[in-house]
N, C-alpha and C. Protein backbone atom coordinates (compact mmCIF):
# COMPACT_ATOMS: atom_id res chain seq x y z
N MET A 1 0.82 -1.18 0.00
CA MET A 1 0.00 0.00 0.00
C MET A 1 0.87 1.25 0.00
N LYS A 2 1.96 1.21 0.80
CA LYS A 2 2.86 2.35 0.85
C LYS A 2 3.45 2.61 -0.54
N TRP A 3 3.81 1.57 -1.25
CA TRP A 3 4.37 1.69 -2.60
C TRP A 3 3.31 2.28 -3.54
N PHE A 4 2.07 1.82 -3.40
CA PHE A 4 0.98 2.29 -4.24
C PHE A 4 0.74 3.79 -4.01
N CYS A 5 0.75 4.23 -2.75
CA CYS A 5 0.55 5.65 -2.43
C CYS A 5 1.70 6.48 -2.98
N SER A 6 2.94 5.95 -2.88
CA SER A 6 4.09 6.68 -3.42
C SER A 6 3.98 6.79 -4.93
N ALA A 7 3.52 5.75 -5.59
CA ALA A 7 3.37 5.77 -7.04
C ALA A 7 2.29 6.77 -7.44
N ILE A 8 1.18 6.78 -6.71
CA ILE A 8 0.11 7.73 -6.99
C ILE A 8 0.61 9.16 -6.78
N PHE A 9 1.35 9.41 -5.69
CA PHE A 9 1.89 10.74 -5.42
C PHE A 9 2.86 11.17 -6.53
N ALA A 10 3.74 10.27 -6.94
CA ALA A 10 4.69 10.57 -8.01
C ALA A 10 3.96 10.86 -9.31
N LEU A 11 2.90 10.10 -9.58
CA LEU A 11 2.11 10.33 -10.79
C LEU A 11 1.42 11.69 -10.71
N PHE A 12 0.89 12.03 -9.54
CA PHE A 12 0.22 13.31 -9.35
C PHE A 12 1.22 14.47 -9.52
N VAL A 13 2.41 14.34 -8.91
CA VAL A 13 3.42 15.38 -9.01
C VAL A 13 3.86 15.52 -10.46
N GLY A 14 4.06 14.42 -11.15
CA GLY A 14 4.44 14.45 -12.56
C GLY A 14 3.36 15.11 -13.40
N TYR A 15 2.11 14.83 -13.11
CA TYR A 15 1.00 15.42 -13.83
C TYR A 15 0.92 16.92 -13.55
N ALA A 16 1.15 17.30 -12.29
CA ALA A 16 1.09 18.71 -11.93
C ALA A 16 2.20 19.48 -12.65
N GLN A 17 3.36 18.87 -12.77
CA GLN A 17 4.44 19.56 -13.46
C GLN A 17 4.14 19.67 -14.95
N ALA A 18 3.53 18.68 -15.52
CA ALA A 18 3.20 18.72 -16.94
C ALA A 18 2.13 19.76 -17.22
N ALA A 19 1.34 20.11 -16.24
CA ALA A 19 0.24 21.05 -16.44
C ALA A 19 0.68 22.50 -16.24
N GLN A 20 1.94 22.75 -15.97
CA GLN A 20 2.40 24.12 -15.78
C GLN A 20 2.28 24.90 -17.08
N THR A 21 1.97 26.15 -16.95
CA THR A 21 1.85 27.03 -18.10
C THR A 21 2.93 28.08 -18.03
N THR A 22 3.59 28.32 -19.15
CA THR A 22 4.59 29.37 -19.22
C THR A 22 3.92 30.62 -19.78
N LEU A 23 4.07 31.69 -19.08
CA LEU A 23 3.46 32.95 -19.48
C LEU A 23 4.55 33.86 -20.03
N SER A 24 4.39 34.33 -21.26
CA SER A 24 5.35 35.23 -21.88
C SER A 24 4.76 36.62 -21.90
N ILE A 25 5.48 37.58 -21.34
CA ILE A 25 5.00 38.95 -21.26
C ILE A 25 6.01 39.85 -21.97
N THR A 26 5.51 40.73 -22.81
CA THR A 26 6.36 41.74 -23.45
C THR A 26 6.11 43.06 -22.76
N VAL A 27 7.16 43.68 -22.30
CA VAL A 27 7.05 44.98 -21.63
C VAL A 27 7.68 46.02 -22.54
N THR A 28 6.93 47.05 -22.86
CA THR A 28 7.44 48.14 -23.68
C THR A 28 7.57 49.37 -22.79
N ILE A 29 8.76 49.91 -22.73
CA ILE A 29 8.99 51.12 -21.94
C ILE A 29 9.01 52.29 -22.91
N GLN A 30 8.10 53.20 -22.74
CA GLN A 30 8.02 54.36 -23.62
C GLN A 30 8.87 55.48 -23.05
N SER A 31 9.38 56.29 -23.95
CA SER A 31 10.17 57.43 -23.49
C SER A 31 9.24 58.43 -22.81
N PRO A 32 9.81 59.23 -21.94
CA PRO A 32 8.96 60.23 -21.28
C PRO A 32 8.46 61.26 -22.29
N PRO A 33 7.30 61.83 -22.06
CA PRO A 33 6.83 62.87 -22.97
C PRO A 33 7.71 64.11 -22.87
N SER A 34 7.74 64.85 -23.94
CA SER A 34 8.56 66.07 -23.90
C SER A 34 7.88 67.10 -23.01
N THR A 35 8.69 67.85 -22.32
CA THR A 35 8.15 68.91 -21.47
C THR A 35 8.47 70.28 -22.03
N SER A 36 9.46 70.34 -22.93
CA SER A 36 9.78 71.61 -23.57
C SER A 36 10.67 71.36 -24.77
N ILE A 37 10.67 72.30 -25.69
CA ILE A 37 11.57 72.26 -26.83
C ILE A 37 12.09 73.67 -27.05
N ARG A 38 13.38 73.78 -27.33
CA ARG A 38 14.00 75.09 -27.56
C ARG A 38 14.70 75.08 -28.91
N CYS A 39 14.72 76.24 -29.54
CA CYS A 39 15.45 76.44 -30.79
C CYS A 39 16.60 77.39 -30.47
N GLY A 40 17.74 76.82 -30.12
CA GLY A 40 18.87 77.65 -29.74
C GLY A 40 18.61 78.40 -28.47
N THR A 41 19.10 79.64 -28.41
CA THR A 41 18.98 80.42 -27.18
C THR A 41 17.99 81.57 -27.28
N THR A 42 17.33 81.71 -28.42
CA THR A 42 16.40 82.84 -28.60
C THR A 42 15.19 82.37 -29.41
N ASN A 43 14.17 83.19 -29.50
CA ASN A 43 12.98 82.86 -30.28
C ASN A 43 12.94 83.58 -31.62
N SER A 44 13.94 84.41 -31.89
CA SER A 44 13.94 85.20 -33.11
C SER A 44 15.33 85.19 -33.73
N TYR A 45 15.39 84.97 -35.03
CA TYR A 45 16.67 84.94 -35.74
C TYR A 45 16.59 85.84 -36.97
N THR A 46 17.67 86.53 -37.28
CA THR A 46 17.78 87.33 -38.49
C THR A 46 18.81 86.66 -39.38
N LEU A 47 18.40 86.32 -40.59
CA LEU A 47 19.27 85.61 -41.52
C LEU A 47 19.49 86.45 -42.76
N ALA A 48 20.68 86.37 -43.33
CA ALA A 48 21.00 87.14 -44.52
C ALA A 48 21.18 86.19 -45.71
N SER A 49 20.09 85.94 -46.42
CA SER A 49 20.09 85.07 -47.61
C SER A 49 20.86 83.77 -47.41
N PRO A 50 20.45 82.94 -46.44
CA PRO A 50 21.19 81.70 -46.19
C PRO A 50 20.96 80.66 -47.29
N ALA A 51 21.99 79.86 -47.51
CA ALA A 51 21.92 78.78 -48.50
C ALA A 51 21.07 77.63 -47.97
N ALA A 52 20.62 76.78 -48.87
CA ALA A 52 19.87 75.58 -48.48
C ALA A 52 20.74 74.75 -47.53
N GLY A 53 20.11 74.21 -46.49
CA GLY A 53 20.83 73.38 -45.53
C GLY A 53 21.54 74.13 -44.42
N THR A 54 21.52 75.46 -44.45
CA THR A 54 22.15 76.25 -43.39
C THR A 54 21.44 76.01 -42.07
N ILE A 55 22.20 75.73 -41.03
CA ILE A 55 21.60 75.51 -39.70
C ILE A 55 21.18 76.85 -39.12
N VAL A 56 19.91 76.94 -38.74
CA VAL A 56 19.37 78.13 -38.09
C VAL A 56 19.62 78.03 -36.59
N CYS A 57 19.29 76.87 -36.01
CA CYS A 57 19.50 76.66 -34.58
C CYS A 57 19.40 75.18 -34.25
N PRO A 58 20.08 74.75 -33.18
CA PRO A 58 19.92 73.38 -32.71
C PRO A 58 18.62 73.29 -31.91
N LEU A 59 17.94 72.16 -32.02
CA LEU A 59 16.70 71.94 -31.27
C LEU A 59 17.00 71.04 -30.07
N VAL A 60 16.62 71.50 -28.89
CA VAL A 60 16.87 70.76 -27.66
C VAL A 60 15.52 70.46 -27.01
N VAL A 61 15.28 69.17 -26.74
CA VAL A 61 14.04 68.75 -26.11
C VAL A 61 14.34 68.27 -24.70
N GLN A 62 13.51 68.66 -23.77
CA GLN A 62 13.62 68.20 -22.39
C GLN A 62 12.47 67.26 -22.08
N PRO A 63 12.66 66.22 -21.28
CA PRO A 63 13.87 65.84 -20.56
C PRO A 63 14.92 65.26 -21.50
N SER A 64 16.13 65.12 -21.00
CA SER A 64 17.25 64.72 -21.85
C SER A 64 17.10 63.31 -22.40
N ASP A 65 16.30 62.45 -21.76
CA ASP A 65 16.14 61.08 -22.26
C ASP A 65 14.90 60.93 -23.14
N TRP A 66 14.31 62.05 -23.58
CA TRP A 66 13.15 62.02 -24.48
C TRP A 66 13.55 61.40 -25.80
N GLN A 67 12.63 60.61 -26.36
CA GLN A 67 12.79 60.06 -27.71
C GLN A 67 11.46 60.19 -28.41
N GLY A 68 11.46 60.73 -29.58
CA GLY A 68 10.21 60.91 -30.31
C GLY A 68 10.48 61.64 -31.60
N ALA A 69 9.49 62.34 -32.08
CA ALA A 69 9.60 63.05 -33.35
C ALA A 69 9.46 64.56 -33.13
N ILE A 70 10.26 65.30 -33.86
CA ILE A 70 10.15 66.76 -33.84
C ILE A 70 9.33 67.15 -35.06
N THR A 71 8.34 68.01 -34.84
CA THR A 71 7.47 68.45 -35.93
C THR A 71 7.72 69.92 -36.24
N LEU A 72 7.46 70.27 -37.49
CA LEU A 72 7.65 71.65 -37.94
C LEU A 72 6.48 72.06 -38.81
N THR A 73 5.90 73.22 -38.51
CA THR A 73 4.83 73.79 -39.32
C THR A 73 5.19 75.23 -39.61
N GLN A 74 5.17 75.59 -40.88
CA GLN A 74 5.40 76.99 -41.27
C GLN A 74 4.05 77.64 -41.45
N ASN A 75 3.72 78.58 -40.58
CA ASN A 75 2.42 79.27 -40.63
C ASN A 75 2.38 80.39 -41.65
N SER A 76 3.50 81.06 -41.84
CA SER A 76 3.52 82.18 -42.78
C SER A 76 4.95 82.45 -43.22
N GLY A 77 5.05 83.24 -44.26
CA GLY A 77 6.35 83.62 -44.80
C GLY A 77 6.26 83.70 -46.32
N PRO A 78 7.07 84.53 -46.94
CA PRO A 78 6.98 84.75 -48.38
C PRO A 78 7.47 83.57 -49.23
N GLN A 79 8.17 82.63 -48.61
CA GLN A 79 8.68 81.48 -49.36
C GLN A 79 8.17 80.21 -48.69
N ASN A 80 7.43 79.39 -49.45
CA ASN A 80 6.87 78.15 -48.89
C ASN A 80 7.95 77.12 -48.59
N ASP A 81 7.69 76.28 -47.60
CA ASP A 81 8.61 75.21 -47.22
C ASP A 81 10.04 75.70 -47.08
N ALA A 82 10.20 76.81 -46.40
CA ALA A 82 11.50 77.46 -46.30
C ALA A 82 12.45 76.76 -45.33
N PHE A 83 11.88 75.97 -44.42
CA PHE A 83 12.70 75.34 -43.38
C PHE A 83 12.36 73.86 -43.26
N THR A 84 13.27 73.12 -42.65
CA THR A 84 13.05 71.70 -42.38
C THR A 84 13.83 71.31 -41.13
N ILE A 85 13.60 70.10 -40.65
CA ILE A 85 14.32 69.57 -39.50
C ILE A 85 15.33 68.56 -40.03
N ASN A 86 16.57 68.68 -39.58
CA ASN A 86 17.61 67.74 -39.99
C ASN A 86 18.50 67.45 -38.78
N SER A 87 18.48 66.21 -38.32
CA SER A 87 19.32 65.80 -37.17
C SER A 87 19.17 66.73 -35.97
N ASN A 88 17.96 66.97 -35.55
CA ASN A 88 17.66 67.84 -34.40
C ASN A 88 18.16 69.27 -34.57
N ASN A 89 18.18 69.72 -35.81
CA ASN A 89 18.50 71.11 -36.12
C ASN A 89 17.40 71.68 -36.99
N LEU A 90 17.08 72.95 -36.78
CA LEU A 90 16.23 73.67 -37.72
C LEU A 90 17.15 74.19 -38.80
N VAL A 91 16.88 73.83 -40.06
CA VAL A 91 17.75 74.24 -41.16
C VAL A 91 16.91 74.87 -42.27
N VAL A 92 17.58 75.65 -43.12
CA VAL A 92 16.94 76.19 -44.32
C VAL A 92 16.62 75.00 -45.21
N GLY A 93 15.44 75.02 -45.83
CA GLY A 93 14.96 73.90 -46.64
C GLY A 93 15.81 73.61 -47.87
N ASN A 94 15.20 73.01 -48.87
CA ASN A 94 15.89 72.58 -50.08
C ASN A 94 16.36 73.72 -50.97
N ASN A 95 15.82 74.90 -50.77
CA ASN A 95 16.19 76.07 -51.58
C ASN A 95 16.70 77.19 -50.68
N ALA A 96 17.66 77.95 -51.18
CA ALA A 96 18.16 79.10 -50.43
C ALA A 96 17.01 80.06 -50.15
N LEU A 97 17.08 80.73 -49.02
CA LEU A 97 16.07 81.76 -48.72
C LEU A 97 16.42 83.02 -49.49
N ASN A 98 15.61 83.33 -50.48
CA ASN A 98 15.89 84.52 -51.28
C ASN A 98 14.74 85.52 -51.25
N LYS A 99 13.72 85.23 -50.46
CA LYS A 99 12.60 86.15 -50.32
C LYS A 99 12.62 86.73 -48.92
N ALA A 100 12.89 88.02 -48.83
CA ALA A 100 12.94 88.68 -47.53
C ALA A 100 11.55 88.75 -46.92
N GLY A 101 11.50 88.65 -45.61
CA GLY A 101 10.23 88.75 -44.91
C GLY A 101 10.31 88.06 -43.57
N THR A 102 9.17 87.98 -42.92
CA THR A 102 9.08 87.32 -41.62
C THR A 102 8.45 85.96 -41.80
N TYR A 103 9.05 84.96 -41.19
CA TYR A 103 8.56 83.58 -41.28
C TYR A 103 8.09 83.17 -39.87
N SER A 104 6.90 82.61 -39.82
CA SER A 104 6.35 82.14 -38.55
C SER A 104 6.36 80.61 -38.55
N LEU A 105 7.04 80.04 -37.56
CA LEU A 105 7.17 78.59 -37.48
C LEU A 105 6.66 78.09 -36.14
N ILE A 106 6.11 76.89 -36.16
CA ILE A 106 5.76 76.19 -34.92
C ILE A 106 6.56 74.90 -34.91
N ILE A 107 7.35 74.72 -33.85
CA ILE A 107 8.16 73.52 -33.70
C ILE A 107 7.63 72.77 -32.48
N GLY A 108 7.38 71.49 -32.63
CA GLY A 108 6.84 70.69 -31.54
C GLY A 108 7.60 69.39 -31.39
N ALA A 109 7.38 68.75 -30.25
CA ALA A 109 8.00 67.45 -29.98
C ALA A 109 6.92 66.48 -29.53
N THR A 110 6.83 65.33 -30.19
CA THR A 110 5.85 64.32 -29.81
C THR A 110 6.56 63.02 -29.53
N PRO A 111 6.19 62.17 -28.68
CA PRO A 111 5.03 62.25 -27.79
C PRO A 111 5.32 63.13 -26.63
């Protein structure tokens, strides 16, 4: 009887181990949302007919470990698509700026 009980216990333990389920969980850590974005040290720049690709200012997003996308919208100005973002810099777009005037830009950081 003792042998029979041991065999039943071993069978039960073996069955319990075979019934284990492995749970796989994927954890995605998102970067913190941006709290601010700066274009250099000022909000206003005066440029004298800069060539295409000229850096206007470096863009700095806080916090320092932020990861995401920088967006650019040109609200006004005499030359369309005058600026673009390149490697976290605001730069003159594909064409030199040859139309004098005031350009209004909105630069954002998402998420």
